[in-house]
N, C-alpha and C. Protein backbone atom coordinates (compact mmCIF):
# COMPACT_ATOMS: atom_id res chain seq x y z
N MET A 1 0.85 -1.18 0.00
CA MET A 1 0.00 0.00 0.00
C MET A 1 0.89 1.23 0.00
N SER A 2 0.62 2.14 -0.89
CA SER A 2 1.41 3.35 -0.98
C SER A 2 0.49 4.56 -0.93
N ILE A 3 0.90 5.59 -0.24
CA ILE A 3 0.08 6.79 -0.20
C ILE A 3 0.51 7.77 -1.28
N GLY A 4 1.44 7.38 -2.13
CA GLY A 4 1.92 8.26 -3.18
C GLY A 4 0.95 8.41 -4.34
N GLY A 5 0.08 7.45 -4.57
CA GLY A 5 -0.85 7.50 -5.69
C GLY A 5 -2.08 8.31 -5.39
N VAL A 6 -2.86 8.58 -6.42
CA VAL A 6 -4.08 9.34 -6.25
C VAL A 6 -5.16 8.49 -5.59
N GLU A 7 -5.21 7.20 -5.93
CA GLU A 7 -6.20 6.31 -5.35
C GLU A 7 -5.52 5.07 -4.81
N GLN A 8 -6.15 4.44 -3.86
CA GLN A 8 -5.63 3.21 -3.27
C GLN A 8 -6.73 2.18 -3.26
N THR A 9 -6.38 0.93 -3.46
CA THR A 9 -7.36 -0.14 -3.36
C THR A 9 -7.20 -0.81 -2.01
N VAL A 10 -8.27 -0.82 -1.24
CA VAL A 10 -8.27 -1.41 0.09
C VAL A 10 -9.47 -2.35 0.15
N ARG A 11 -9.18 -3.66 0.24
CA ARG A 11 -10.21 -4.69 0.31
C ARG A 11 -11.25 -4.54 -0.80
N GLY A 12 -10.77 -4.27 -2.01
CA GLY A 12 -11.67 -4.20 -3.15
C GLY A 12 -12.34 -2.86 -3.35
N TYR A 13 -12.13 -1.92 -2.46
CA TYR A 13 -12.72 -0.60 -2.60
C TYR A 13 -11.62 0.39 -2.97
N THR A 14 -11.94 1.30 -3.84
CA THR A 14 -10.98 2.32 -4.21
C THR A 14 -11.20 3.53 -3.31
N LEU A 15 -10.15 3.94 -2.65
CA LEU A 15 -10.23 5.10 -1.77
C LEU A 15 -9.48 6.26 -2.41
N HIS A 16 -10.09 7.41 -2.42
CA HIS A 16 -9.38 8.58 -2.88
C HIS A 16 -8.36 8.95 -1.81
N ARG A 17 -7.33 9.64 -2.20
CA ARG A 17 -6.24 9.99 -1.29
C ARG A 17 -6.75 10.68 -0.02
N ARG A 18 -7.74 11.54 -0.15
CA ARG A 18 -8.26 12.25 1.03
C ARG A 18 -8.86 11.27 2.03
N ARG A 19 -9.58 10.25 1.53
CA ARG A 19 -10.15 9.26 2.43
C ARG A 19 -9.06 8.43 3.09
N LEU A 20 -8.01 8.09 2.34
CA LEU A 20 -6.90 7.36 2.92
C LEU A 20 -6.22 8.21 3.99
N SER A 21 -6.08 9.50 3.72
CA SER A 21 -5.50 10.41 4.72
C SER A 21 -6.34 10.44 5.99
N ALA A 22 -7.67 10.41 5.84
CA ALA A 22 -8.55 10.40 7.00
C ALA A 22 -8.36 9.11 7.79
N LEU A 23 -8.22 7.99 7.09
CA LEU A 23 -7.97 6.71 7.74
C LEU A 23 -6.64 6.74 8.50
N LEU A 24 -5.62 7.29 7.87
CA LEU A 24 -4.32 7.41 8.54
C LEU A 24 -4.41 8.34 9.75
N TYR A 25 -5.21 9.39 9.64
CA TYR A 25 -5.39 10.31 10.76
C TYR A 25 -6.00 9.59 11.95
N LEU A 26 -7.01 8.78 11.70
CA LEU A 26 -7.63 8.01 12.78
C LEU A 26 -6.65 7.02 13.39
N ALA A 27 -5.89 6.36 12.53
CA ALA A 27 -4.89 5.40 13.03
C ALA A 27 -3.81 6.13 13.82
N THR A 28 -3.44 7.32 13.38
CA THR A 28 -2.43 8.10 14.09
C THR A 28 -2.93 8.50 15.46
N GLY A 29 -4.23 8.82 15.57
CA GLY A 29 -4.81 9.14 16.88
C GLY A 29 -4.65 7.98 17.84
N ALA A 30 -4.84 6.77 17.35
CA ALA A 30 -4.64 5.59 18.19
C ALA A 30 -3.17 5.48 18.58
N GLU A 31 -2.28 5.81 17.66
CA GLU A 31 -0.84 5.75 17.94
C GLU A 31 -0.48 6.74 19.04
N GLU A 32 -1.06 7.94 18.98
CA GLU A 32 -0.77 8.96 19.98
C GLU A 32 -1.27 8.56 21.36
N ARG A 33 -2.26 7.70 21.42
CA ARG A 33 -2.78 7.22 22.71
C ARG A 33 -1.98 6.01 23.20
N GLY A 34 -0.82 5.75 22.57
CA GLY A 34 0.04 4.67 23.03
C GLY A 34 -0.31 3.32 22.43
N ARG A 35 -1.06 3.32 21.34
CA ARG A 35 -1.44 2.06 20.72
C ARG A 35 -0.96 2.02 19.27
N GLY A 36 0.29 2.44 19.05
CA GLY A 36 0.84 2.52 17.70
C GLY A 36 0.82 1.20 16.96
N ARG A 37 1.21 0.13 17.63
CA ARG A 37 1.23 -1.18 16.98
C ARG A 37 -0.19 -1.60 16.58
N GLU A 38 -1.15 -1.33 17.46
CA GLU A 38 -2.55 -1.66 17.17
C GLU A 38 -3.05 -0.87 15.95
N ALA A 39 -2.72 0.41 15.88
CA ALA A 39 -3.13 1.24 14.75
C ALA A 39 -2.54 0.72 13.45
N LEU A 40 -1.28 0.38 13.48
CA LEU A 40 -0.60 -0.12 12.29
C LEU A 40 -1.18 -1.46 11.86
N GLU A 41 -1.45 -2.35 12.79
CA GLU A 41 -2.03 -3.65 12.47
C GLU A 41 -3.43 -3.49 11.87
N THR A 42 -4.22 -2.55 12.39
CA THR A 42 -5.55 -2.30 11.85
C THR A 42 -5.46 -1.81 10.42
N LEU A 43 -4.56 -0.88 10.16
CA LEU A 43 -4.37 -0.37 8.81
C LEU A 43 -3.92 -1.48 7.86
N GLU A 44 -3.03 -2.34 8.33
CA GLU A 44 -2.56 -3.46 7.50
C GLU A 44 -3.69 -4.45 7.21
N LYS A 45 -4.56 -4.69 8.19
CA LYS A 45 -5.69 -5.59 7.97
C LYS A 45 -6.63 -5.01 6.92
N LEU A 46 -6.90 -3.71 6.99
CA LEU A 46 -7.76 -3.06 6.01
C LEU A 46 -7.16 -3.12 4.61
N ALA A 47 -5.86 -2.95 4.53
CA ALA A 47 -5.19 -2.97 3.24
C ALA A 47 -5.00 -4.39 2.71
N GLY A 48 -5.00 -5.38 3.60
CA GLY A 48 -4.78 -6.75 3.19
C GLY A 48 -3.32 -7.04 2.88
N GLU A 49 -2.45 -6.14 3.29
CA GLU A 49 -1.03 -6.31 3.07
C GLU A 49 -0.26 -5.45 4.07
N GLU A 50 1.02 -5.66 4.14
CA GLU A 50 1.84 -4.88 5.06
C GLU A 50 1.92 -3.44 4.57
N VAL A 51 1.86 -2.50 5.48
CA VAL A 51 1.95 -1.09 5.14
C VAL A 51 3.38 -0.78 4.70
N ASP A 52 3.51 0.00 3.63
CA ASP A 52 4.83 0.30 3.10
C ASP A 52 5.61 1.22 4.04
N ARG A 53 6.88 1.33 3.76
CA ARG A 53 7.80 2.07 4.62
C ARG A 53 7.40 3.54 4.78
N GLU A 54 6.99 4.19 3.67
CA GLU A 54 6.62 5.60 3.71
C GLU A 54 5.40 5.84 4.60
N THR A 55 4.39 4.98 4.46
CA THR A 55 3.18 5.10 5.27
C THR A 55 3.47 4.82 6.73
N ARG A 56 4.25 3.77 6.99
CA ARG A 56 4.63 3.42 8.36
C ARG A 56 5.35 4.59 9.04
N LYS A 57 6.28 5.20 8.31
CA LYS A 57 7.04 6.32 8.87
C LYS A 57 6.12 7.50 9.17
N ALA A 58 5.21 7.82 8.24
CA ALA A 58 4.27 8.92 8.46
C ALA A 58 3.38 8.65 9.67
N LEU A 59 2.92 7.41 9.80
CA LEU A 59 2.05 7.05 10.92
C LEU A 59 2.81 7.15 12.24
N LEU A 60 3.98 6.58 12.30
CA LEU A 60 4.72 6.56 13.55
C LEU A 60 5.26 7.93 13.94
N GLU A 61 5.49 8.79 12.95
CA GLU A 61 5.95 10.15 13.25
C GLU A 61 4.78 11.12 13.42
N SER A 62 3.55 10.59 13.32
CA SER A 62 2.32 11.38 13.51
C SER A 62 2.26 12.58 12.57
N ARG A 63 2.65 12.36 11.34
CA ARG A 63 2.49 13.41 10.34
C ARG A 63 2.05 12.75 9.05
N LEU A 64 1.23 13.47 8.31
CA LEU A 64 0.72 12.96 7.05
C LEU A 64 1.23 13.84 5.92
N PRO A 65 1.59 13.24 4.81
CA PRO A 65 1.99 14.04 3.66
C PRO A 65 0.79 14.78 3.09
N PRO A 66 0.98 15.99 2.53
CA PRO A 66 -0.16 16.72 1.97
C PRO A 66 -0.65 16.07 0.68
N ASP A 67 -1.91 16.34 0.36
CA ASP A 67 -2.45 15.91 -0.93
C ASP A 67 -1.73 16.67 -2.03
N GLU A 68 -1.94 16.25 -3.27
CA GLU A 68 -1.32 16.93 -4.40
C GLU A 68 -1.73 18.39 -4.49
N ASP A 69 -2.94 18.72 -4.02
CA ASP A 69 -3.42 20.10 -4.08
C ASP A 69 -3.02 20.90 -2.83
N GLY A 70 -2.13 20.33 -1.99
CA GLY A 70 -1.59 21.04 -0.85
C GLY A 70 -2.38 20.95 0.43
N ARG A 71 -3.44 20.12 0.46
CA ARG A 71 -4.26 20.00 1.68
C ARG A 71 -3.74 18.93 2.58
């Protein structure tokens, strides 16, 4: 799973980057409450694969890359 593309496929559903960012935001909130491993495992289950290095780093550092339009 990569957050670099415009869309991501998660369990057969296509998510626009903004929706993926919202999912990462929720997972990051869990990480900030001391449940980082749980947040990462949940994201990996939704994706059906291991989260890539870039996404893992963004999640664990509690920062999300901006969308292409700067949001």
